[in-house]
Amino acid sequence: MKPRKSVFSVKAAVAAWSLTMSLAGFCGAAAPIETVPWNGHVGAVSFTFDDALENQVQNLTPILDELKDVHVTFFVTSMGNGIQNNAAGFANLAKAGHEIGNHTDTHAHLSGISDNSELENEIVKFADKIESTMAENGAKVRVTSLATPFCENNDKIKSVINKRHFINRDCGWHGRNEWDVEPEWLSIQAKVWTRSGASVEELLSSLDTAAFIGNFEGAKPWEVSVKGGSWLVVLNHGVTDDKGDDYAINPEDIKKLFKHALENDLWTAPFGTIGAYHRAHFIVDKAEKNETENGYTVQWEIPNEHMPESVPLRVKIDTKSVDEKAIVEQDGKILKQESDGTYIIEFMAKALTVRKPKEGEKNPQDSTTAIAQNPKFEREYTNFTLFDMNGNKLGAVDNFAVPERFPKGTYIIRAESKGHPSKTVKMVHK
C-alpha cells in the first residue's frame, strides 16, 4: 500500500501538529526535560552515498548548492583511490555542511578478517586518515559514523567500530527507525537503492511513510509498521545517467527525492547528525532533577565518547515548577526560549540549571514567546482551515471544531493570525 501524497501546506501543518502534540503531553511527564521528536519536524531522512565516487561530487554538488536545506552523508573509502582522487570535492562538500563518514580503507569483506589489527587498520586508522586528508584540503572534519562495506557485521566488527565511532549503518528492508524505539546503534538499518530493485515512486512513497502521511489503518504491520513520523535512512552509491550502473541513481531522480523530503517537512540531515539527536534523546529524557535552593539542576552522561562535538537538542523544559520567569542556564550562559516555547540545549554540555531570576535580573524572552505563552493567544486566531488525515484541504471553519456536516473521524485544523505563529491541532469528530 502506498500512502497518498499531500500538498506542502499540509506537510508543514502536520509537522506543527506533531510538535504541538509532543509538547502537550509533557505536562503529565515526570522528567524535567523532554526532547521534541525529529527536531520539530514530522519525521527525518538521511540520504547516504557510498564509495567516494567522482560522479557524486560532480552531480550532487550543484543540486546540494541549490537545495540549501538538504544535507547528506558521504561514506568514503580508498577503494579505487576514491578519497584521494576526489579529496578536494569532498572537502568542499564538508565545508558546506555535509557529513564525511568512514566506509573503511579498502572496502574489504570485514567478516572475513580475523586479525584485530587488520580490522583496526580498516576502521580506526582510516578514520584518522580521512580527517587528515580533509584537513589538507581545507576542511575540518570529525569522523563519527561508519558504514560497513557489503553490510557485513558481527560482534567482533562492532567492537572495533566502537573504538572510533558512535554509530554504524548496515542494510535493511524499509530503513525506518521509530522515535521511541532505541535501535542497535552499531547496526542501523538502511533502505538500499538499485535501479532493478526499487523505483523512484517507491522511494517517494517511503518518504511519505516516514512523514506519516496517508491512511495506514488498513495496512498490515509488515507493510508499514509505523505509528508516527520516523527516521528513514537511504543507501545510495553513484549519481549518474549511466543506466549500465545498477546501483546509480539519475541526478534528476535524486533531486526529486530531495525536494519531496523537503515538501514533506522531513528533517533532511546527515546520518550522524540525526543519529546523535536520536541517541541523545534516550539519555536526556530519562535524566532526573536535583533540587537546589532556587530551582534544580539536571545532569546526564554522554553514551559514547565519539559522538559529534556538538549535539543541539530542541527540548521542552519544566520551568513553571520553579518560577513563572525561571532562567534556564548552561555553562553559565542563559538560554533564550524559542518562539514555540522550546529551548535549544547542548547535549554535550552534560547538564543544565533551571533557577529563579536574581534580583533585578531580566528573563531574556522576546515578545513572540510572551504571545505564545499568553492564554488569550488562542482566541486571537482569525483563520481556521480544516484538512482530512490524507492532507486534503476541506475548507474554512469557524474555530477549533469540526462542523457537524462532516463524517465522523479524525481531522486536522490549522489556525492562523497575522503576526502570530500558526497552531495545528488534531481533532476527533464524534
Protein backbone atom coordinates (compact mmCIF):
# COMPACT_ATOMS: atom_id res chain seq x y z
CA MET A 1 0.00 0.00 0.00
CA LYS A 2 1.31 3.41 -0.96
CA PRO A 3 0.37 6.44 1.15
CA ARG A 4 -1.27 9.29 -0.68
CA LYS A 5 0.75 12.38 -1.38
CA SER A 6 -0.18 15.74 0.09
CA VAL A 7 0.32 19.45 -0.51
CA PHE A 8 3.16 21.41 1.06
CA SER A 9 0.98 23.49 3.38
CA VAL A 10 -0.36 20.35 4.99
CA LYS A 11 3.11 18.89 5.40
CA ALA A 12 4.01 21.99 7.40
CA ALA A 13 0.72 21.72 9.28
CA VAL A 14 1.31 18.09 10.18
CA ALA A 15 4.82 18.93 11.35
CA ALA A 16 3.46 21.69 13.55
CA TRP A 17 0.80 19.34 14.89
CA SER A 18 3.48 16.75 15.70
CA LEU A 19 5.32 19.38 17.72
CA THR A 20 2.14 20.57 19.43
CA MET A 21 1.16 17.04 20.43
CA SER A 22 4.59 16.22 21.79
CA LEU A 23 4.61 19.36 23.90
CA ALA A 24 1.04 18.95 25.07
CA GLY A 25 1.83 15.55 26.50
CA PHE A 26 4.67 16.96 28.53
CA CYS A 27 2.56 18.37 31.34
CA GLY A 28 1.95 14.95 32.83
CA ALA A 29 5.53 13.74 32.39
CA ALA A 30 7.75 13.17 35.42
CA ALA A 31 11.00 14.04 33.64
CA PRO A 32 12.09 17.71 33.73
CA ILE A 33 13.25 17.62 30.08
CA GLU A 34 11.54 16.16 27.03
CA THR A 35 13.15 16.19 23.59
CA VAL A 36 10.98 17.29 20.67
CA PRO A 37 10.88 14.44 18.12
CA TRP A 38 12.98 14.91 15.00
CA ASN A 39 13.99 18.48 15.85
CA GLY A 40 10.42 19.71 15.46
CA HIS A 41 9.82 18.08 12.07
CA VAL A 42 7.21 15.42 11.35
CA GLY A 43 9.96 12.87 10.63
CA ALA A 44 13.50 12.63 9.33
CA VAL A 45 15.54 11.24 6.44
CA SER A 46 19.26 10.70 5.89
CA PHE A 47 20.49 10.19 2.34
CA THR A 48 23.85 8.41 2.39
CA PHE A 49 26.25 7.89 -0.54
CA ASP A 50 28.98 5.24 -0.53
CA ASP A 51 32.40 4.75 -2.14
CA ALA A 52 33.75 8.32 -2.67
CA LEU A 53 32.79 8.39 -6.36
CA GLU A 54 33.69 11.23 -8.69
CA ASN A 55 30.14 11.39 -10.09
CA GLN A 56 28.84 12.10 -6.58
CA VAL A 57 30.99 15.23 -6.38
CA GLN A 58 30.22 16.29 -9.95
CA ASN A 59 26.48 15.66 -9.99
CA LEU A 60 25.40 16.22 -6.39
CA THR A 61 27.33 19.41 -5.67
CA PRO A 62 25.15 21.69 -7.88
CA ILE A 63 21.96 20.06 -6.57
CA LEU A 64 23.00 20.44 -2.94
CA ASP A 65 24.16 24.01 -3.57
CA GLU A 66 20.65 24.77 -4.85
CA LEU A 67 18.76 22.93 -2.06
CA LYS A 68 20.33 24.58 0.97
CA ASP A 69 18.10 22.73 3.46
CA VAL A 70 19.32 19.30 2.33
CA HIS A 71 22.43 17.87 3.98
CA VAL A 72 23.67 14.36 3.27
CA THR A 73 26.38 11.87 4.25
CA PHE A 74 29.26 10.60 2.11
CA PHE A 75 30.85 7.37 3.31
CA VAL A 76 34.31 7.44 1.74
CA THR A 77 36.94 4.76 1.07
CA SER A 78 40.35 4.40 -0.55
CA MET A 79 38.98 1.75 -2.92
CA GLY A 80 39.91 2.88 -6.43
CA ASN A 81 41.71 5.82 -4.81
CA GLY A 82 38.26 7.33 -4.29
CA ILE A 83 39.02 9.65 -1.38
CA GLN A 84 42.48 10.53 -2.70
CA ASN A 85 41.29 11.43 -6.21
CA ASN A 86 38.23 13.36 -5.03
CA ALA A 87 39.51 14.84 -1.78
CA ALA A 88 39.09 18.49 -2.79
CA GLY A 89 35.49 17.94 -3.90
CA PHE A 90 34.52 16.13 -0.71
CA ALA A 91 36.30 18.76 1.38
CA ASN A 92 34.15 21.44 -0.28
CA LEU A 93 31.03 19.39 0.44
CA ALA A 94 32.14 19.05 4.07
CA LYS A 95 32.57 22.82 4.33
CA ALA A 96 29.00 23.19 3.03
CA GLY A 97 27.69 21.16 5.98
CA HIS A 98 27.62 17.64 4.56
CA GLU A 99 28.95 14.73 6.60
CA ILE A 100 32.06 12.76 5.66
CA GLY A 101 31.89 9.27 7.15
CA ASN A 102 34.01 6.13 7.10
CA HIS A 103 33.45 3.27 4.62
CA THR A 104 36.76 1.54 5.56
CA ASP A 105 40.12 1.82 3.85
CA THR A 106 39.92 -0.90 1.16
CA HIS A 107 36.16 -1.68 1.18
CA ALA A 108 37.07 -5.15 2.44
CA HIS A 109 34.78 -8.01 3.47
CA LEU A 110 35.15 -7.31 7.20
CA SER A 111 33.57 -10.59 8.28
CA GLY A 112 36.44 -12.44 6.61
CA ILE A 113 39.12 -10.61 8.61
CA SER A 114 40.25 -12.50 11.71
CA ASP A 115 43.16 -10.26 12.70
CA ASN A 116 42.09 -7.44 15.03
CA SER A 117 44.97 -5.22 13.94
CA GLU A 118 43.84 -5.52 10.32
CA LEU A 119 40.30 -4.55 11.33
CA GLU A 120 41.69 -1.56 13.19
CA ASN A 121 43.66 -0.51 10.10
CA GLU A 122 40.48 -0.68 8.01
CA ILE A 123 38.32 1.18 10.52
CA VAL A 124 40.17 3.12 13.21
CA LYS A 125 43.30 4.24 11.38
CA PHE A 126 41.39 5.03 8.21
CA ALA A 127 39.07 7.36 10.14
CA ASP A 128 42.19 9.29 11.18
CA LYS A 129 43.34 9.32 7.55
CA ILE A 130 40.03 10.76 6.38
CA GLU A 131 40.31 13.60 8.87
CA SER A 132 43.90 14.41 7.90
CA THR A 133 43.07 14.25 4.18
CA MET A 134 40.16 16.61 4.62
CA ALA A 135 42.33 18.95 6.70
CA GLU A 136 44.94 19.03 3.92
CA ASN A 137 42.15 20.23 1.64
CA GLY A 138 40.91 22.94 3.98
CA ALA A 139 38.03 21.16 5.78
CA LYS A 140 37.90 20.45 9.50
CA VAL A 141 36.13 17.10 9.74
CA ARG A 142 35.37 14.86 12.71
CA VAL A 143 34.54 11.35 11.52
CA THR A 144 31.96 9.90 13.91
CA SER A 145 29.98 7.43 11.79
CA LEU A 146 30.78 4.39 9.68
CA ALA A 147 29.01 2.26 7.07
CA THR A 148 30.05 -1.37 6.78
CA PRO A 149 31.05 -2.49 3.26
CA PHE A 150 28.64 -5.09 1.86
CA CYS A 151 26.72 -4.55 5.13
CA GLU A 152 28.79 -7.32 6.73
CA ASN A 153 28.76 -7.05 10.51
CA ASN A 154 29.19 -9.10 13.66
CA ASP A 155 30.09 -8.58 17.32
CA LYS A 156 33.84 -8.53 16.61
CA ILE A 157 33.44 -5.88 13.93
CA LYS A 158 31.18 -3.82 16.19
CA SER A 159 33.77 -3.87 18.98
CA VAL A 160 36.31 -2.28 16.62
CA ILE A 161 33.79 0.22 15.20
CA ASN A 162 33.00 1.28 18.77
CA LYS A 163 36.65 2.26 19.32
CA ARG A 164 36.29 5.16 16.89
CA HIS A 165 32.60 5.74 16.02
CA PHE A 166 29.33 6.13 17.87
CA ILE A 167 27.08 4.84 15.07
CA ASN A 168 27.20 2.48 12.09
CA ARG A 169 24.95 1.97 9.08
CA ASP A 170 24.20 -1.51 7.74
CA CYS A 171 21.43 -2.55 5.32
CA GLY A 172 17.80 -3.38 5.88
CA TRP A 173 14.38 -3.73 4.39
CA HIS A 174 12.47 -0.47 4.92
CA GLY A 175 15.24 1.53 6.64
CA ARG A 176 12.92 3.22 9.16
CA ASN A 177 13.59 3.97 12.82
CA GLU A 178 10.84 4.96 15.27
CA TRP A 179 11.29 7.80 17.75
CA ASP A 180 10.78 5.89 21.00
CA VAL A 181 12.31 2.56 19.91
CA GLU A 182 16.05 2.57 20.58
CA PRO A 183 17.87 0.97 17.64
CA GLU A 184 21.10 -1.01 17.69
CA TRP A 185 23.46 1.92 17.23
CA LEU A 186 26.21 -0.09 15.55
CA SER A 187 23.79 -1.73 13.12
CA ILE A 188 21.34 0.92 11.87
CA GLN A 189 19.24 -0.40 9.00
CA ALA A 190 19.03 1.37 5.63
CA LYS A 191 16.86 1.12 2.54
CA VAL A 192 19.09 0.25 -0.43
CA TRP A 193 18.59 1.92 -3.80
CA THR A 194 19.17 -0.07 -7.02
CA ARG A 195 17.65 0.55 -10.46
CA SER A 196 16.45 -3.04 -10.71
CA GLY A 197 15.30 -3.43 -7.11
CA ALA A 198 13.39 -0.21 -6.47
CA SER A 199 11.71 2.67 -8.23
CA VAL A 200 11.59 6.41 -7.69
CA GLU A 201 7.88 6.08 -6.94
CA GLU A 202 8.65 3.55 -4.22
CA LEU A 203 11.16 5.89 -2.61
CA LEU A 204 8.72 8.80 -2.84
CA SER A 205 6.21 6.57 -1.04
CA SER A 206 8.84 5.74 1.61
CA LEU A 207 9.30 9.47 2.22
CA ASP A 208 5.53 9.78 2.70
CA THR A 209 5.57 6.88 5.15
CA ALA A 210 8.42 8.48 7.13
CA ALA A 211 6.32 11.64 7.35
CA PHE A 212 3.31 9.51 8.36
CA ILE A 213 1.24 10.91 5.50
CA GLY A 214 -1.63 8.74 4.36
CA ASN A 215 -4.22 6.41 5.80
CA PHE A 216 -2.46 3.43 7.38
CA GLU A 217 -5.49 1.88 9.09
CA GLY A 218 -5.75 -0.98 6.61
CA ALA A 219 -2.03 -1.61 6.28
CA LYS A 220 -0.53 -4.85 7.51
CA PRO A 221 2.16 -4.43 10.19
CA TRP A 222 4.89 -5.85 7.97
CA GLU A 223 3.99 -3.42 5.18
CA VAL A 224 4.19 -0.18 7.14
CA SER A 225 4.93 -0.87 10.82
CA VAL A 226 4.98 2.77 11.91
CA LYS A 227 2.91 4.67 14.45
CA GLY A 228 4.11 8.17 13.62
CA GLY A 229 6.90 10.10 11.95
CA SER A 230 10.08 8.06 11.66
CA TRP A 231 13.72 8.36 10.56
CA LEU A 232 14.35 6.89 7.11
CA VAL A 233 17.93 6.01 6.15
CA VAL A 234 18.62 5.57 2.41
CA LEU A 235 21.74 3.86 1.00
CA ASN A 236 22.90 5.22 -2.38
CA HIS A 237 26.01 4.79 -4.50
CA GLY A 238 26.63 6.55 -7.79
CA VAL A 239 24.74 9.57 -9.12
CA THR A 240 24.74 9.33 -12.91
CA ASP A 241 22.58 8.82 -16.01
CA ASP A 242 24.57 5.67 -16.85
CA LYS A 243 21.85 3.01 -16.96
CA GLY A 244 24.52 0.30 -17.02
CA ASP A 245 25.29 1.07 -13.37
CA ASP A 246 22.50 -0.68 -11.48
CA TYR A 247 23.44 0.98 -8.17
CA ALA A 248 23.46 4.52 -9.57
CA ILE A 249 20.54 6.92 -9.45
CA ASN A 250 19.84 9.61 -12.05
CA PRO A 251 20.64 13.16 -10.87
CA GLU A 252 17.12 14.35 -11.70
CA ASP A 253 15.66 11.49 -9.65
CA ILE A 254 17.73 12.15 -6.53
CA LYS A 255 16.81 15.84 -6.83
CA LYS A 256 13.14 14.83 -6.98
CA LEU A 257 13.59 12.80 -3.79
CA PHE A 258 15.37 15.65 -2.03
CA LYS A 259 12.58 18.05 -2.94
CA HIS A 260 9.87 15.64 -1.83
CA ALA A 261 11.60 15.21 1.54
CA LEU A 262 11.50 18.98 2.00
CA GLU A 263 7.88 19.17 0.83
CA ASN A 264 7.02 16.58 3.48
CA ASP A 265 8.82 18.73 6.08
CA LEU A 266 11.16 15.87 6.90
CA TRP A 267 14.34 16.80 8.74
CA THR A 268 16.76 16.13 5.86
CA ALA A 269 20.12 15.89 7.59
CA PRO A 270 23.26 13.73 7.76
CA PHE A 271 23.24 10.26 9.23
CA GLY A 272 25.48 11.23 12.15
CA THR A 273 23.51 14.41 12.91
CA ILE A 274 20.13 12.71 13.18
CA GLY A 275 21.67 9.66 14.82
CA ALA A 276 23.24 11.80 17.55
CA TYR A 277 19.96 13.67 18.16
CA HIS A 278 18.04 10.40 18.32
CA ARG A 279 20.54 8.75 20.65
CA ALA A 280 20.76 11.78 22.93
CA HIS A 281 17.01 11.86 23.49
CA PHE A 282 17.06 8.43 25.17
CA ILE A 283 19.53 9.86 27.70
CA VAL A 284 18.15 13.35 28.34
CA ASP A 285 14.51 12.30 28.58
CA LYS A 286 15.38 9.89 31.41
CA ALA A 287 17.52 12.38 33.35
CA GLU A 288 16.22 13.36 36.78
CA LYS A 289 16.26 16.74 38.51
CA ASN A 290 18.38 17.56 41.55
CA GLU A 291 16.65 20.18 43.70
CA THR A 292 18.58 23.31 44.73
CA GLU A 293 17.70 26.30 46.91
CA ASN A 294 16.42 28.35 43.96
CA GLY A 295 15.47 25.67 41.41
CA TYR A 296 17.08 22.49 40.18
CA THR A 297 19.86 21.04 38.04
CA VAL A 298 19.77 18.12 35.60
CA GLN A 299 22.84 16.08 34.73
CA TRP A 300 23.41 13.24 32.28
CA GLU A 301 26.20 11.13 30.83
CA ILE A 302 27.45 11.02 27.23
CA PRO A 303 26.75 7.48 25.94
CA ASN A 304 29.75 7.34 23.58
CA GLU A 305 32.91 9.42 23.56
CA HIS A 306 32.96 9.52 19.76
CA MET A 307 29.75 11.49 19.31
CA PRO A 308 29.91 14.82 17.41
CA GLU A 309 31.46 17.74 19.27
CA SER A 310 28.10 19.50 19.34
CA VAL A 311 24.64 17.88 19.58
CA PRO A 312 21.96 20.59 19.82
CA LEU A 313 18.61 19.33 21.10
CA ARG A 314 15.23 21.05 20.84
CA VAL A 315 13.55 20.36 24.18
CA LYS A 316 10.64 21.30 26.42
CA ILE A 317 11.76 22.13 29.97
CA ASP A 318 9.72 22.27 33.16
CA THR A 319 10.28 25.86 34.29
CA LYS A 320 6.91 26.69 35.85
CA SER A 321 7.57 24.48 38.87
CA VAL A 322 10.43 26.86 39.71
CA ASP A 323 9.08 30.29 38.75
CA GLU A 324 6.94 31.93 36.05
CA LYS A 325 10.09 33.80 34.97
CA ALA A 326 12.57 30.99 35.59
CA ILE A 327 16.01 31.15 33.98
CA VAL A 328 17.45 28.19 32.03
CA GLU A 329 21.23 28.13 32.02
CA GLN A 330 24.04 26.01 30.56
CA ASP A 331 27.74 26.57 31.27
CA GLY A 332 26.91 29.98 32.76
CA LYS A 333 25.02 31.07 29.62
CA ILE A 334 21.32 31.95 29.87
CA LEU A 335 19.31 30.22 27.16
CA LYS A 336 16.64 32.14 25.29
CA GLN A 337 13.33 30.40 24.80
CA GLU A 338 12.27 29.78 21.19
CA SER A 339 9.03 31.21 19.82
CA ASP A 340 7.33 27.81 20.11
CA GLY A 341 8.14 27.54 23.82
CA THR A 342 11.07 25.13 23.41
CA TYR A 343 14.75 25.58 24.23
CA ILE A 344 17.81 24.58 22.20
CA ILE A 345 20.23 22.93 24.63
CA GLU A 346 23.69 21.45 24.08
CA PHE A 347 23.65 17.75 24.88
CA MET A 348 27.45 17.57 25.09
CA ALA A 349 27.41 20.08 27.98
CA LYS A 350 26.06 17.22 30.14
CA ALA A 351 24.00 19.46 32.45
CA LEU A 352 21.68 22.42 32.74
CA THR A 353 20.23 24.58 35.51
CA VAL A 354 16.73 25.95 35.99
CA ARG A 355 16.60 28.70 38.62
CA LYS A 356 14.69 31.70 39.84
CA PRO A 357 15.94 35.03 38.47
CA LYS A 358 18.22 37.05 40.69
CA GLU A 359 17.05 40.40 41.99
CA GLY A 360 16.86 42.81 39.07
CA GLU A 361 17.73 40.09 36.53
CA LYS A 362 15.56 40.07 33.41
CA ASN A 363 14.44 36.92 31.63
CA PRO A 364 15.66 37.23 28.02
CA GLN A 365 12.41 36.16 26.38
CA ASP A 366 11.13 38.08 23.37
CA SER A 367 7.63 39.31 22.68
CA THR A 368 6.88 36.37 20.39
CA THR A 369 7.41 33.94 23.24
CA ALA A 370 5.28 36.05 25.53
CA ILE A 371 2.47 35.92 22.97
CA ALA A 372 2.83 32.16 22.53
CA GLN A 373 2.52 31.63 26.29
CA ASN A 374 -0.43 34.01 26.69
CA PRO A 375 -3.69 32.13 27.44
CA LYS A 376 -5.52 34.71 25.29
CA PHE A 377 -3.36 33.80 22.30
CA GLU A 378 -5.70 31.03 21.18
CA ARG A 379 -8.64 33.45 20.99
CA GLU A 380 -6.67 35.82 18.73
CA TYR A 381 -6.64 33.44 15.74
CA THR A 382 -8.64 34.77 12.79
CA ASN A 383 -8.39 31.98 10.19
CA PHE A 384 -9.13 28.28 10.72
CA THR A 385 -8.64 25.69 7.95
CA LEU A 386 -9.84 22.07 8.04
CA PHE A 387 -7.89 19.15 6.49
CA ASP A 388 -8.53 15.43 6.43
CA MET A 389 -5.81 12.97 7.50
CA ASN A 390 -4.78 12.47 3.86
CA GLY A 391 -3.86 16.13 3.63
CA ASN A 392 -6.85 17.25 1.58
CA LYS A 393 -7.98 20.81 2.26
CA LEU A 394 -11.67 20.77 3.19
CA GLY A 395 -12.23 24.48 3.61
CA ALA A 396 -12.52 27.20 6.25
CA VAL A 397 -14.16 26.60 9.64
CA ASP A 398 -15.09 28.92 12.48
CA ASN A 399 -12.91 27.62 15.31
CA PHE A 400 -11.15 24.53 16.69
CA ALA A 401 -14.21 22.44 15.89
CA VAL A 402 -15.24 20.16 13.04
CA PRO A 403 -18.67 21.13 11.63
CA GLU A 404 -21.43 18.59 12.23
CA ARG A 405 -21.98 18.09 8.48
CA PHE A 406 -18.65 16.25 8.16
CA PRO A 407 -18.44 12.46 8.66
CA LYS A 408 -17.22 11.14 12.00
CA GLY A 409 -13.45 10.67 12.14
CA THR A 410 -10.13 12.41 12.70
CA TYR A 411 -9.24 15.77 11.16
CA ILE A 412 -6.55 18.45 11.34
CA ILE A 413 -7.32 22.14 11.94
CA ARG A 414 -4.71 24.82 11.30
CA ALA A 415 -5.26 28.22 12.94
CA GLU A 416 -3.52 31.36 11.67
CA SER A 417 -3.39 35.03 12.56
CA LYS A 418 -1.23 37.81 11.18
CA GLY A 419 1.86 38.40 13.28
CA HIS A 420 1.49 35.20 15.35
CA PRO A 421 2.82 31.65 14.94
CA SER A 422 0.30 29.24 13.42
CA LYS A 423 -1.14 26.42 15.53
CA THR A 424 -2.21 22.99 14.29
CA VAL A 425 -4.46 20.63 16.25
CA LYS A 426 -5.63 17.08 15.59
CA MET A 427 -9.39 16.82 16.23
CA VAL A 428 -11.56 13.72 16.65
CA HIS A 429 -15.10 14.36 15.35
CA LYS A 430 -17.51 12.03 17.18
